[in-house]
C-alpha atoms as a PDB file:
ATOM      1  CA  MET A   1      36.988 -21.061 -13.065  1.00  0.00           C
ATOM      2  CA  THR A   2      39.699 -22.342 -15.317  1.00  0.00           C
ATOM      3  CA  ASP A   3      43.135 -21.367 -16.451  1.00  0.00           C
ATOM      4  CA  ASN A   4      42.142 -21.981 -20.063  1.00  0.00           C
ATOM      5  CA  LYS A   5      41.542 -18.910 -22.090  1.00  0.00           C
ATOM      6  CA  VAL A   6      38.263 -18.880 -24.018  1.00  0.00           C
ATOM      7  CA  GLN A   7      38.804 -18.467 -27.757  1.00  0.00           C
ATOM      8  CA  LYS A   8      36.543 -15.892 -29.394  1.00  0.00           C
ATOM      9  CA  ILE A   9      35.376 -15.608 -32.992  1.00  0.00           C
ATOM     10  CA  ASP A  10      33.195 -13.018 -34.658  1.00  0.00           C
ATOM     11  CA  VAL A  11      29.961 -13.731 -36.555  1.00  0.00           C
ATOM     12  CA  GLN A  12      31.645 -13.357 -39.922  1.00  0.00           C
ATOM     13  CA  GLU A  13      34.077 -16.179 -38.993  1.00  0.00           C
ATOM     14  CA  LEU A  14      31.217 -18.283 -37.677  1.00  0.00           C
ATOM     15  CA  LYS A  15      29.263 -17.832 -40.907  1.00  0.00           C
ATOM     16  CA  ARG A  16      32.309 -18.846 -42.951  1.00  0.00           C
ATOM     17  CA  LEU A  17      32.820 -21.958 -40.803  1.00  0.00           C
ATOM     18  CA  MET A  18      29.124 -22.859 -41.020  1.00  0.00           C
ATOM     19  CA  ASP A  19      29.164 -22.560 -44.777  1.00  0.00           C
ATOM     20  CA  GLN A  20      32.143 -24.949 -44.877  1.00  0.00           C
ATOM     21  CA  ASN A  21      30.687 -27.355 -42.310  1.00  0.00           C
ATOM     22  CA  PRO A  22      26.901 -27.583 -42.043  1.00  0.00           C
ATOM     23  CA  ASN A  23      27.274 -30.014 -39.162  1.00  0.00           C
ATOM     24  CA  LEU A  24      29.230 -27.542 -37.011  1.00  0.00           C
ATOM     25  CA  LEU A  25      28.026 -27.723 -33.396  1.00  0.00           C
ATOM     26  CA  LEU A  26      26.580 -24.327 -32.510  1.00  0.00           C
ATOM     27  CA  ILE A  27      24.960 -24.018 -29.103  1.00  0.00           C
ATOM     28  CA  ASP A  28      22.698 -21.135 -28.177  1.00  0.00           C
ATOM     29  CA  VAL A  29      23.066 -20.503 -24.428  1.00  0.00           C
ATOM     30  CA  ARG A  30      20.163 -18.047 -24.129  1.00  0.00           C
ATOM     31  CA  GLU A  31      16.833 -18.788 -22.480  1.00  0.00           C
ATOM     32  CA  GLN A  32      13.838 -20.521 -24.170  1.00  0.00           C
ATOM     33  CA  ASN A  33      11.868 -17.282 -24.628  1.00  0.00           C
ATOM     34  CA  GLU A  34      14.814 -15.630 -26.403  1.00  0.00           C
ATOM     35  CA  TRP A  35      15.251 -18.712 -28.656  1.00  0.00           C
ATOM     36  CA  ASP A  36      11.527 -18.660 -29.471  1.00  0.00           C
ATOM     37  CA  SER A  37      11.728 -15.031 -30.660  1.00  0.00           C
ATOM     38  CA  MET A  38      14.716 -15.729 -32.968  1.00  0.00           C
ATOM     39  CA  HIS A  39      17.566 -18.197 -33.368  1.00  0.00           C
ATOM     40  CA  ILE A  40      20.276 -19.265 -35.788  1.00  0.00           C
ATOM     41  CA  PRO A  41      19.279 -22.184 -38.020  1.00  0.00           C
ATOM     42  CA  ASN A  42      20.754 -25.542 -36.917  1.00  0.00           C
ATOM     43  CA  ALA A  43      21.793 -24.212 -33.524  1.00  0.00           C
ATOM     44  CA  VAL A  44      21.006 -26.287 -30.397  1.00  0.00           C
ATOM     45  CA  LEU A  45      19.416 -24.628 -27.382  1.00  0.00           C
ATOM     46  CA  ILE A  46      21.088 -25.304 -24.023  1.00  0.00           C
ATOM     47  CA  PRO A  47      20.611 -22.363 -21.624  1.00  0.00           C
ATOM     48  CA  LYS A  48      23.850 -21.276 -19.885  1.00  0.00           C
ATOM     49  CA  GLU A  49      22.665 -22.484 -16.461  1.00  0.00           C
ATOM     50  CA  SER A  50      22.143 -26.042 -17.858  1.00  0.00           C
ATOM     51  CA  ILE A  51      25.248 -26.305 -20.084  1.00  0.00           C
ATOM     52  CA  ALA A  52      27.365 -28.325 -17.661  1.00  0.00           C
ATOM     53  CA  ASP A  53      24.624 -30.829 -17.063  1.00  0.00           C
ATOM     54  CA  LYS A  54      23.328 -31.090 -20.693  1.00  0.00           C
ATOM     55  CA  ILE A  55      26.449 -30.853 -22.852  1.00  0.00           C
ATOM     56  CA  SER A  56      27.115 -34.587 -22.907  1.00  0.00           C
ATOM     57  CA  GLU A  57      23.642 -35.124 -24.509  1.00  0.00           C
ATOM     58  CA  VAL A  58      24.770 -33.264 -27.673  1.00  0.00           C
ATOM     59  CA  CYS A  59      28.590 -33.779 -27.475  1.00  0.00           C
ATOM     60  CA  ASP A  60      30.419 -36.459 -25.566  1.00  0.00           C
ATOM     61  CA  ASN A  61      33.581 -36.024 -27.626  1.00  0.00           C
ATOM     62  CA  LYS A  62      35.709 -33.559 -25.664  1.00  0.00           C
ATOM     63  CA  SER A  63      37.911 -32.891 -28.700  1.00  0.00           C
ATOM     64  CA  GLN A  64      35.058 -31.763 -30.956  1.00  0.00           C
ATOM     65  CA  ALA A  65      34.871 -28.066 -31.683  1.00  0.00           C
ATOM     66  CA  ILE A  66      31.930 -26.380 -29.947  1.00  0.00           C
ATOM     67  CA  TYR A  67      30.724 -22.871 -30.792  1.00  0.00           C
ATOM     68  CA  LEU A  68      28.627 -21.027 -28.200  1.00  0.00           C
ATOM     69  CA  HIS A  69      26.546 -17.918 -28.745  1.00  0.00           C
ATOM     70  CA  CYS A  70      24.132 -15.817 -26.725  1.00  0.00           C
ATOM     71  CA  ARG A  71      22.592 -12.391 -27.295  1.00  0.00           C
ATOM     72  CA  SER A  72      25.826 -10.353 -27.375  1.00  0.00           C
ATOM     73  CA  GLY A  73      28.681 -12.558 -26.236  1.00  0.00           C
ATOM     74  CA  VAL A  74      28.755 -12.370 -22.385  1.00  0.00           C
ATOM     75  CA  ARG A  75      26.828 -15.504 -21.388  1.00  0.00           C
ATOM     76  CA  SER A  76      28.571 -17.497 -24.092  1.00  0.00           C
ATOM     77  CA  LEU A  77      31.944 -16.616 -22.517  1.00  0.00           C
ATOM     78  CA  HIS A  78      30.830 -17.877 -19.155  1.00  0.00           C
ATOM     79  CA  ALA A  79      29.358 -21.048 -20.718  1.00  0.00           C
ATOM     80  CA  ALA A  80      32.639 -21.633 -22.583  1.00  0.00           C
ATOM     81  CA  GLU A  81      34.604 -21.358 -19.348  1.00  0.00           C
ATOM     82  CA  SER A  82      32.350 -24.036 -17.859  1.00  0.00           C
ATOM     83  CA  LEU A  83      32.976 -26.417 -20.744  1.00  0.00           C
ATOM     84  CA  LEU A  84      36.727 -25.866 -20.619  1.00  0.00           C
ATOM     85  CA  ALA A  85      36.577 -26.663 -16.912  1.00  0.00           C
ATOM     86  CA  LEU A  86      34.820 -29.939 -17.797  1.00  0.00           C
ATOM     87  CA  GLY A  87      37.667 -30.890 -20.081  1.00  0.00           C
ATOM     88  CA  TYR A  88      36.397 -29.804 -23.496  1.00  0.00           C
ATOM     89  CA  HIS A  89      39.355 -28.705 -25.574  1.00  0.00           C
ATOM     90  CA  GLU A  90      38.086 -26.645 -28.471  1.00  0.00           C
ATOM     91  CA  VAL A  91      35.431 -24.230 -27.273  1.00  0.00           C
ATOM     92  CA  TYR A  92      34.660 -20.906 -28.949  1.00  0.00           C
ATOM     93  CA  SER A  93      32.498 -17.980 -27.832  1.00  0.00           C
ATOM     94  CA  VAL A  94      30.870 -15.960 -30.603  1.00  0.00           C
ATOM     95  CA  ASP A  95      31.585 -12.311 -29.986  1.00  0.00           C
ATOM     96  CA  GLY A  96      28.548 -10.147 -30.693  1.00  0.00           C
ATOM     97  CA  GLY A  97      26.156 -13.094 -30.491  1.00  0.00           C
ATOM     98  CA  ILE A  98      22.868 -13.237 -32.322  1.00  0.00           C
ATOM     99  CA  MET A  99      22.605  -9.437 -32.326  1.00  0.00           C
ATOM    100  CA  ASP A 100      25.633  -9.126 -34.625  1.00  0.00           C
ATOM    101  CA  TRP A 101      24.502 -12.178 -36.563  1.00  0.00           C
ATOM    102  CA  ALA A 102      21.154 -10.460 -37.335  1.00  0.00           C
ATOM    103  CA  MET A 103      22.816  -7.077 -37.945  1.00  0.00           C
ATOM    104  CA  TYR A 104      24.958  -8.643 -40.731  1.00  0.00           C
ATOM    105  CA  GLY A 105      21.755 -10.005 -42.298  1.00  0.00           C
ATOM    106  CA  TYR A 106      22.570 -13.684 -41.818  1.00  0.00           C
ATOM    107  CA  GLU A 107      19.698 -16.115 -41.721  1.00  0.00           C
ATOM    108  CA  ILE A 108      17.611 -16.337 -38.524  1.00  0.00           C
ATOM    109  CA  VAL A 109      14.531 -18.357 -37.657  1.00  0.00           C
ATOM    110  CA  GLU A 110      11.739 -16.196 -36.203  1.00  0.00           C
END
Protein backbone atom coordinates (compact mmCIF):
# COMPACT_ATOMS: atom_id res chain seq x y z
CA MET A 1 0.00 0.00 0.00
CA THR A 2 1.23 3.48 0.84
CA ASP A 3 2.76 5.34 3.74
CA ASN A 4 0.20 8.13 3.34
CA LYS A 5 -2.56 8.10 5.92
CA VAL A 6 -6.06 8.36 4.52
CA GLN A 7 -7.94 11.35 5.84
CA LYS A 8 -11.48 10.60 7.02
CA ILE A 9 -14.46 12.89 7.30
CA ASP A 10 -17.98 12.19 8.52
CA VAL A 11 -21.17 12.75 6.54
CA GLN A 12 -21.99 15.98 8.37
CA GLU A 13 -18.68 17.47 7.23
CA LEU A 14 -19.25 16.17 3.69
CA LYS A 15 -22.70 17.77 3.60
CA ARG A 16 -21.27 21.09 4.80
CA LEU A 17 -18.54 20.96 2.13
CA MET A 18 -21.04 20.04 -0.60
CA ASP A 19 -23.27 22.95 0.40
CA GLN A 20 -20.28 25.30 0.07
CA ASN A 21 -19.01 23.74 -3.16
CA PRO A 22 -21.60 22.12 -5.44
CA ASN A 23 -18.79 21.01 -7.80
CA LEU A 24 -17.01 18.99 -5.12
CA LEU A 25 -15.75 15.68 -6.55
CA LEU A 26 -17.56 12.88 -4.73
CA ILE A 27 -16.91 9.37 -5.99
CA ASP A 28 -19.11 6.42 -5.04
CA VAL A 29 -16.94 3.29 -5.02
CA ARG A 30 -19.80 0.81 -4.61
CA GLU A 31 -21.05 -1.52 -7.34
CA GLN A 32 -23.56 -0.58 -10.06
CA ASN A 33 -26.47 -2.45 -8.41
CA GLU A 34 -25.88 -0.60 -5.13
CA TRP A 35 -25.72 2.72 -7.01
CA ASP A 36 -28.97 1.88 -8.81
CA SER A 37 -30.80 1.32 -5.52
CA MET A 38 -29.68 4.67 -4.07
CA HIS A 39 -26.91 7.23 -4.43
CA ILE A 40 -25.92 10.72 -3.39
CA PRO A 41 -26.84 13.43 -5.93
CA ASN A 42 -23.92 14.63 -8.07
CA ALA A 43 -21.70 11.71 -7.05
CA VAL A 44 -19.77 9.83 -9.75
CA LEU A 45 -19.79 6.04 -9.80
CA ILE A 46 -16.40 4.33 -10.07
CA PRO A 47 -16.43 0.91 -8.38
CA LYS A 48 -13.46 0.28 -6.05
CA GLU A 49 -11.95 -2.37 -8.31
CA SER A 50 -11.85 0.13 -11.21
CA ILE A 51 -10.72 3.26 -9.36
CA ALA A 52 -7.03 3.10 -10.31
CA ASP A 53 -7.86 2.64 -14.01
CA LYS A 54 -10.74 5.12 -14.24
CA ILE A 55 -9.79 8.00 -11.93
CA SER A 56 -8.00 9.99 -14.63
CA GLU A 57 -11.26 10.10 -16.63
CA VAL A 58 -12.86 12.26 -13.93
CA CYS A 59 -9.80 13.85 -12.31
CA ASP A 60 -6.39 14.29 -13.86
CA ASN A 61 -5.36 17.00 -11.38
CA LYS A 62 -3.58 15.15 -8.59
CA SER A 63 -3.91 18.18 -6.30
CA GLN A 64 -7.73 18.33 -6.50
CA ALA A 65 -9.64 17.22 -3.42
CA ILE A 66 -11.40 13.89 -3.96
CA TYR A 67 -14.04 12.50 -1.61
CA LEU A 68 -14.80 8.78 -1.71
CA HIS A 69 -17.74 6.98 -0.19
CA CYS A 70 -19.16 3.48 -0.14
CA ARG A 71 -21.83 1.77 1.95
CA SER A 72 -20.23 2.24 5.36
CA GLY A 73 -16.65 3.43 4.89
CA VAL A 74 -14.50 0.31 4.38
CA ARG A 75 -14.23 0.14 0.57
CA SER A 76 -13.71 3.90 0.37
CA LEU A 77 -10.68 3.59 2.66
CA HIS A 78 -9.11 1.01 0.35
CA ALA A 79 -9.95 3.09 -2.73
CA ALA A 80 -8.41 6.16 -1.07
CA GLU A 81 -5.21 4.23 -0.39
CA SER A 82 -5.07 3.31 -4.08
CA LEU A 83 -5.39 6.96 -5.13
CA LEU A 84 -2.73 8.09 -2.66
CA ALA A 85 -0.42 5.42 -4.09
CA LEU A 86 -1.07 6.89 -7.57
CA GLY A 87 0.09 10.31 -6.35
CA TYR A 88 -3.19 12.04 -5.58
CA HIS A 89 -2.61 14.37 -2.64
CA GLU A 90 -5.96 15.31 -1.12
CA VAL A 91 -8.08 12.19 -0.80
CA TYR A 92 -10.80 11.74 1.82
CA SER A 93 -12.81 8.68 2.84
CA VAL A 94 -16.32 9.35 4.10
CA ASP A 95 -16.74 7.52 7.38
CA GLY A 96 -20.17 5.90 7.63
CA GLY A 97 -20.77 6.08 3.87
CA ILE A 98 -24.18 6.29 2.31
CA MET A 99 -25.76 4.49 5.27
CA ASP A 100 -24.93 7.40 7.59
CA TRP A 101 -25.79 9.89 4.85
CA ALA A 102 -29.30 8.40 4.56
CA MET A 103 -29.65 8.03 8.34
CA TYR A 104 -29.09 11.79 8.75
CA GLY A 105 -31.84 12.42 6.21
CA TYR A 106 -29.64 13.97 3.55
CA GLU A 107 -30.85 13.82 -0.04
CA ILE A 108 -30.48 10.56 -1.95
CA VAL A 109 -31.54 9.49 -5.43
CA GLU A 110 -33.52 6.25 -5.46
